[in-house]
Protein backbone atom coordinates (compact mmCIF):
# COMPACT_ATOMS: atom_id res chain seq x y z
CA UNK A 1 115.44 115.31 112.49
CA UNK A 2 112.90 116.48 115.09
CA UNK A 3 112.18 120.14 115.83
CA UNK A 4 113.23 121.04 119.41
CA UNK A 5 110.25 121.62 121.71
CA UNK A 6 109.45 125.18 122.71
CA UNK A 7 107.09 126.39 125.47
CA UNK A 8 103.63 127.66 124.57
CA UNK A 9 103.49 129.87 127.67
CA UNK A 10 106.64 131.83 128.47
CA UNK A 11 107.99 131.33 131.99
CA UNK A 12 107.65 135.05 132.74
CA UNK A 13 103.98 134.96 131.72
CA UNK A 14 103.41 131.83 133.82
CA UNK A 15 104.81 133.58 136.86
CA UNK A 16 102.89 136.79 136.24
CA UNK A 17 99.57 134.91 136.18
CA UNK A 18 100.20 133.18 139.52
CA UNK A 19 99.73 134.08 143.15
CA UNK A 20 101.26 133.13 146.49
CA UNK A 21 99.69 131.41 149.48
CA UNK A 22 101.18 130.76 152.90
CA UNK A 23 102.29 127.33 154.08
CA UNK A 24 104.01 127.03 157.45
CA UNK A 25 105.22 130.61 157.16
CA UNK A 26 106.59 130.18 153.63
CA UNK A 27 105.38 131.62 150.33
CA UNK A 28 104.07 129.00 147.91
CA UNK A 29 103.55 129.89 144.25
CA UNK A 30 100.23 128.76 142.80
CA UNK A 31 98.51 128.93 139.42
CA UNK A 32 94.70 128.65 139.39
CA UNK A 33 92.43 128.94 136.39
CA UNK A 34 89.27 127.49 134.87
CA UNK A 35 85.54 127.80 135.63
CA UNK A 36 84.94 128.42 139.34
CA UNK A 37 82.20 125.75 139.51
CA UNK A 38 84.09 123.08 137.55
CA UNK A 39 85.62 119.89 139.00
CA UNK A 40 88.97 120.62 140.63
CA UNK A 41 92.09 119.14 139.11
CA UNK A 42 95.29 119.31 141.18
CA UNK A 43 98.49 119.13 139.13
CA UNK A 44 101.58 117.93 141.03
CA UNK A 45 104.92 118.45 139.30
CA UNK A 46 108.16 116.52 139.43
CA UNK A 47 111.81 116.95 140.44
CA UNK A 48 113.69 119.19 139.82
CA UNK A 49 111.35 121.51 137.93
CA UNK A 50 107.98 123.08 138.88
CA UNK A 51 104.37 123.78 137.88
CA UNK A 52 105.49 125.28 134.54
CA UNK A 53 105.85 121.64 133.45
CA UNK A 54 102.09 121.74 132.80
CA UNK A 55 102.08 124.78 130.50
CA UNK A 56 101.43 122.78 127.31
CA UNK A 57 98.29 121.22 128.85
CA UNK A 58 97.06 124.37 130.57
CA UNK A 59 94.87 126.00 127.88
CA UNK A 60 92.85 122.85 127.28
CA UNK A 61 92.65 121.63 130.86
CA UNK A 62 91.33 124.97 132.08
CA UNK A 63 88.37 124.79 129.70
CA UNK A 64 86.55 122.16 131.76
CA UNK A 65 88.52 121.93 135.03
CA UNK A 66 89.24 124.28 137.90
CA UNK A 67 92.99 123.67 137.73
CA UNK A 68 95.33 124.20 140.68
CA UNK A 69 99.06 123.88 140.15
CA UNK A 70 101.40 124.76 143.03
CA UNK A 71 105.17 124.90 143.01
CA UNK A 72 105.93 122.56 145.89
CA UNK A 73 108.07 123.98 148.67
CA UNK A 74 111.71 124.00 147.59
CA UNK A 75 110.81 124.25 143.91
CA UNK A 76 110.32 126.90 141.26
CA UNK A 77 108.86 130.20 142.45
CA UNK A 78 108.03 128.91 145.94
CA UNK A 79 110.29 129.52 148.91
CA UNK A 80 113.36 127.32 149.24
CA UNK A 81 114.35 127.47 152.90
CA UNK A 82 117.75 125.99 153.65
CA UNK A 83 116.70 124.84 157.09
CA UNK A 84 113.67 122.67 156.41
CA UNK A 85 112.68 119.01 156.75
CA UNK A 86 111.77 118.34 153.12
CA UNK A 87 109.67 115.24 152.62
CA UNK A 88 107.03 113.82 150.33
CA UNK A 89 104.63 113.54 153.28
CA UNK A 90 105.05 117.26 153.97
CA UNK A 91 104.42 118.04 150.30
CA UNK A 92 101.15 116.06 150.58
CA UNK A 93 100.29 118.20 153.61
CA UNK A 94 100.99 121.28 151.47
CA UNK A 95 98.67 120.04 148.72
CA UNK A 96 95.88 119.41 151.23
CA UNK A 97 96.48 122.85 152.73
CA UNK A 98 96.01 124.43 149.28
CA UNK A 99 92.79 122.48 148.73
CA UNK A 100 91.43 123.54 152.13
CA UNK A 101 92.50 127.15 151.53
CA UNK A 102 90.13 127.28 148.56
CA UNK A 103 87.35 125.22 150.13
CA UNK A 104 87.76 122.17 147.89
CA UNK A 105 85.94 119.06 149.09
CA UNK A 106 86.40 116.84 146.02
CA UNK A 107 89.26 116.77 143.56
CA UNK A 108 91.16 114.85 140.90
CA UNK A 109 94.94 114.59 140.53
CA UNK A 110 97.29 114.48 137.56
CA UNK A 111 100.84 113.90 138.81
CA UNK A 112 104.33 113.42 137.42
CA UNK A 113 107.64 112.06 138.72
CA UNK A 114 108.23 113.30 142.32
CA UNK A 115 104.58 114.35 142.25
CA UNK A 116 103.59 110.70 141.76
CA UNK A 117 104.92 109.89 145.22
CA UNK A 118 103.15 112.91 146.72
CA UNK A 119 99.97 111.64 145.06
CA UNK A 120 100.54 108.13 146.46
CA UNK A 121 100.57 109.61 149.95
CA UNK A 122 97.36 111.53 149.19
CA UNK A 123 95.87 108.26 147.92
CA UNK A 124 96.90 106.40 151.09
CA UNK A 125 95.06 109.02 153.12
CA UNK A 126 91.83 108.04 151.33
CA UNK A 127 91.74 104.74 153.22
CA UNK A 128 88.59 104.55 155.40
CA UNK A 129 90.61 104.87 158.60
CA UNK A 130 92.23 108.13 157.44
CA UNK A 131 89.61 109.74 155.18
CA UNK A 132 87.59 111.69 157.74
CA UNK A 133 87.91 115.46 157.36
CA UNK A 134 89.97 115.30 154.17
CA UNK A 135 88.99 116.42 150.66
CA UNK A 136 87.82 113.39 148.71
CA UNK A 137 90.08 112.18 145.90
CA UNK A 138 87.88 111.17 142.96
CA UNK A 139 90.44 110.01 140.41
CA UNK A 140 94.23 109.83 140.13
CA UNK A 141 96.31 109.77 136.96
CA UNK A 142 100.06 109.18 137.06
CA UNK A 143 102.65 110.14 134.47
CA UNK A 144 106.19 108.75 134.50
CA UNK A 145 107.53 108.43 138.03
CA UNK A 146 109.04 106.15 140.64
CA UNK A 147 105.90 104.39 141.82
CA UNK A 148 107.99 101.36 142.76
CA UNK A 149 111.49 101.83 144.21
CA UNK A 150 112.64 98.57 142.64
CA UNK A 151 112.00 99.89 139.10
CA UNK A 152 113.38 103.41 139.58
CA UNK A 153 116.59 103.94 137.60
CA UNK A 154 118.04 107.26 138.79
CA UNK A 155 120.45 109.35 136.75
CA UNK A 156 124.06 109.65 137.87
CA UNK A 157 123.45 113.18 139.15
CA UNK A 158 120.62 111.87 141.35
CA UNK A 159 122.88 109.15 142.75
CA UNK A 160 125.53 111.75 143.51
CA UNK A 161 123.04 114.12 145.13
CA UNK A 162 121.90 111.46 147.60
CA UNK A 163 125.48 110.42 148.38
CA UNK A 164 127.66 112.00 151.11
CA UNK A 165 128.89 114.37 148.37
CA UNK A 166 125.36 115.61 147.71
CA UNK A 167 125.71 119.12 149.12
CA UNK A 168 128.81 119.78 147.02
CA UNK A 169 127.26 118.25 143.91
CA UNK A 170 124.21 120.48 144.32
CA UNK A 171 126.29 123.65 144.62
CA UNK A 172 128.24 122.68 141.49
CA UNK A 173 125.12 121.96 139.45
CA UNK A 174 125.01 124.11 136.32
CA UNK A 175 122.70 124.82 133.41
CA UNK A 176 124.91 122.65 131.19
CA UNK A 177 124.58 119.68 133.55
CA UNK A 178 120.82 120.10 133.86
CA UNK A 179 120.48 120.43 130.08
CA UNK A 180 122.45 117.24 129.50
CA UNK A 181 120.31 115.36 132.02
CA UNK A 182 117.10 116.60 130.44
CA UNK A 183 118.20 115.65 126.94
CA UNK A 184 119.04 112.16 128.19
CA UNK A 185 115.54 111.52 129.55
CA UNK A 186 113.45 113.11 126.77
CA UNK A 187 112.55 110.97 123.77
CA UNK A 188 114.89 111.00 120.77
CA UNK A 189 112.27 112.72 118.60
CA UNK A 190 110.99 115.14 121.28
CA UNK A 191 114.06 116.94 122.55
CA UNK A 192 113.77 120.16 124.59
CA UNK A 193 114.70 123.41 122.89
CA UNK A 194 116.90 126.05 124.43
CA UNK A 195 113.95 128.11 125.72
CA UNK A 196 112.68 125.11 127.68
CA UNK A 197 116.13 124.37 129.06
CA UNK A 198 116.61 128.01 130.02
CA UNK A 199 113.29 127.89 131.86
CA UNK A 200 114.14 124.68 133.68
CA UNK A 201 117.45 126.11 134.85
CA UNK A 202 115.85 129.39 135.94
CA UNK A 203 113.32 127.47 138.06
CA UNK A 204 116.03 125.34 139.65
CA UNK A 205 118.55 128.14 140.21
CA UNK A 206 116.11 130.68 141.65
CA UNK A 207 116.41 131.34 145.37
CA UNK A 208 119.49 129.21 145.87
CA UNK A 209 117.82 126.04 144.68
CA UNK A 210 121.04 124.12 143.95
CA UNK A 211 121.99 124.44 147.63
CA UNK A 212 118.98 122.38 148.72
CA UNK A 213 118.90 119.76 145.96
CA UNK A 214 120.64 117.24 148.21
CA UNK A 215 117.79 117.70 150.71
CA UNK A 216 115.04 117.40 148.13
CA UNK A 217 116.58 114.21 146.70
CA UNK A 218 115.88 112.41 149.98
CA UNK A 219 112.60 111.45 148.35
CA UNK A 220 114.41 108.43 146.87
CA UNK A 221 115.07 107.12 150.37
CA UNK A 222 111.55 108.00 151.51
CA UNK A 223 110.07 105.99 148.66
CA UNK A 224 111.87 102.89 149.92
CA UNK A 225 110.86 103.52 153.51
CA UNK A 226 107.18 103.98 152.65
CA UNK A 227 106.91 101.42 149.87
CA UNK A 228 104.50 99.16 151.72
CA UNK A 229 102.09 102.01 152.46
CA UNK A 230 102.24 103.57 149.01
CA UNK A 231 102.14 100.40 146.90
CA UNK A 232 99.42 99.10 149.20
CA UNK A 233 97.42 102.22 148.41
CA UNK A 234 97.72 101.46 144.69
CA UNK A 235 96.39 97.97 145.30
CA UNK A 236 93.52 98.89 147.61
CA UNK A 237 91.14 99.99 144.87
CA UNK A 238 89.75 102.91 146.86
CA UNK A 239 90.18 105.47 144.03
CA UNK A 240 90.15 104.96 140.24
CA UNK A 241 93.72 105.00 138.86
CA UNK A 242 95.33 105.58 135.49
CA UNK A 243 98.94 105.42 134.28
CA UNK A 244 100.10 107.32 131.19
CA UNK A 245 103.72 106.37 130.60
CA UNK A 246 106.34 107.53 128.13
CA UNK A 247 107.85 104.20 127.11
CA UNK A 248 111.25 105.56 126.07
CA UNK A 249 111.99 107.03 129.50
CA UNK A 250 115.19 105.46 130.92
CA UNK A 251 114.15 106.31 134.50
CA UNK A 252 110.57 105.05 134.71
CA UNK A 253 109.49 104.07 131.23
CA UNK A 254 108.15 100.80 129.82
CA UNK A 255 109.89 98.73 132.49
CA UNK A 256 107.97 100.57 135.21
CA UNK A 257 104.70 100.06 133.34
CA UNK A 258 105.37 96.30 133.34
CA UNK A 259 105.71 96.35 137.11
CA UNK A 260 102.57 98.48 137.43
CA UNK A 261 100.62 95.86 135.48
CA UNK A 262 102.02 93.13 137.72
CA UNK A 263 101.06 94.82 141.00
CA UNK A 264 97.99 97.01 140.37
CA UNK A 265 94.67 95.19 139.93
CA UNK A 266 92.87 95.89 136.62
CA UNK A 267 95.73 98.19 135.64
CA UNK A 268 94.66 100.96 133.25
CA UNK A 269 97.74 101.93 131.25
CA UNK A 270 98.37 104.06 128.18
CA UNK A 271 101.90 103.50 126.90
CA UNK A 272 103.29 106.28 124.69
CA UNK A 273 105.92 104.81 122.38
CA UNK A 274 108.87 107.03 121.60
CA UNK A 275 108.06 109.44 124.44
CA UNK A 276 110.45 109.99 127.32
CA UNK A 277 110.20 111.11 130.93
CA UNK A 278 108.17 114.29 130.38
CA UNK A 279 105.11 113.12 128.36
CA UNK A 280 103.10 116.25 129.23
CA UNK A 281 105.80 118.30 127.50
CA UNK A 282 106.75 115.86 124.73
CA UNK A 283 103.30 114.63 123.68
CA UNK A 284 100.70 116.91 125.32
CA UNK A 285 97.84 116.06 122.97
CA UNK A 286 98.28 112.33 123.51
CA UNK A 287 98.42 112.85 127.26
CA UNK A 288 95.28 115.02 127.16
CA UNK A 289 93.35 112.45 125.13
CA UNK A 290 94.24 109.61 127.49
CA UNK A 291 93.60 111.65 130.62
CA UNK A 292 90.26 113.05 129.50
CA UNK A 293 89.04 109.60 128.46
CA UNK A 294 89.91 108.34 131.94
CA UNK A 295 88.32 111.34 133.65
CA UNK A 296 85.12 110.92 131.66
CA UNK A 297 84.82 107.34 132.87
CA UNK A 298 85.39 108.09 136.55
CA UNK A 299 83.52 111.41 136.70
CA UNK A 300 81.31 111.99 133.64
CA UNK A 301 80.06 115.56 133.10
CA UNK A 302 76.51 114.71 134.16
CA UNK A 303 77.51 112.89 137.34
CA UNK A 304 77.08 115.97 139.54
CA UNK A 305 80.57 115.54 140.97
CA UNK A 306 81.64 119.18 141.14
CA UNK A 307 84.11 120.54 143.63
CA UNK A 308 83.02 123.91 144.95
CA UNK A 309 85.50 126.67 145.70
CA UNK A 310 84.92 129.54 148.08
CA UNK A 311 87.47 131.77 146.39
CA UNK A 312 88.19 132.42 142.75
CA UNK A 313 91.96 132.30 143.23
CA UNK A 314 92.45 135.04 140.67
């Protein structure tokens, strides 16, 4: 029997080490750490959690990267306005605003779940016709997520949230329901412990989060609407890409990796057997090894590709 996973960084400590920046008049929570002159790595979290998802990777990533991890608007410790047009495109705008706020001109991305779609929009903006004036994306690594609408297998709660009953379903969402959903998508041998589940629920429940879940879930529709643009960006070959995929994930596991190999030229995939939807939580050392090997190929330490920041972010 496996030992339930516990966080290495307590949620309260994660929050205490962060800061807030403004985006469209709203407070956005942000963690920044790592050498000020190191390459910038932007971490983009998934639905329905927040930047704390990266806590198991944080100590090692911040040794050689200038790591930036926002809570996207509507998530975690960021503002969750009830009247707001939530969209993946807007979240990409938020990420670019954070990069500009700290003077970043080159960056890498490690993304997960909902964050994969945000990253796809950032990738699409690297096309020659759209690149001018934007920070340059040097490398992009995806973890489990709905890169292709046709392979996304949403949970029942996600289907209900996007239905006409979504607002009611969101208000009735409880810790018990979230815990059951999380257990269903983690690997059988890497189940979340109670401290992790408590943290996930605290991030979701804070600031009336359940009351906007039916608005956030619109990303499933947006993925379908923008499929041509976002899959086309994967196929364009403008930026080096990597997929690290937990094979046991019922939402976007091995079946999604098969589709990725079919559609993405020279697909670079690391498949993690027995790992579920949250590989950065379930198998952090395996994720780190695969990501760092990819990063070394696309931006070796002696390449001179360093993103400069004008503020320390501390």
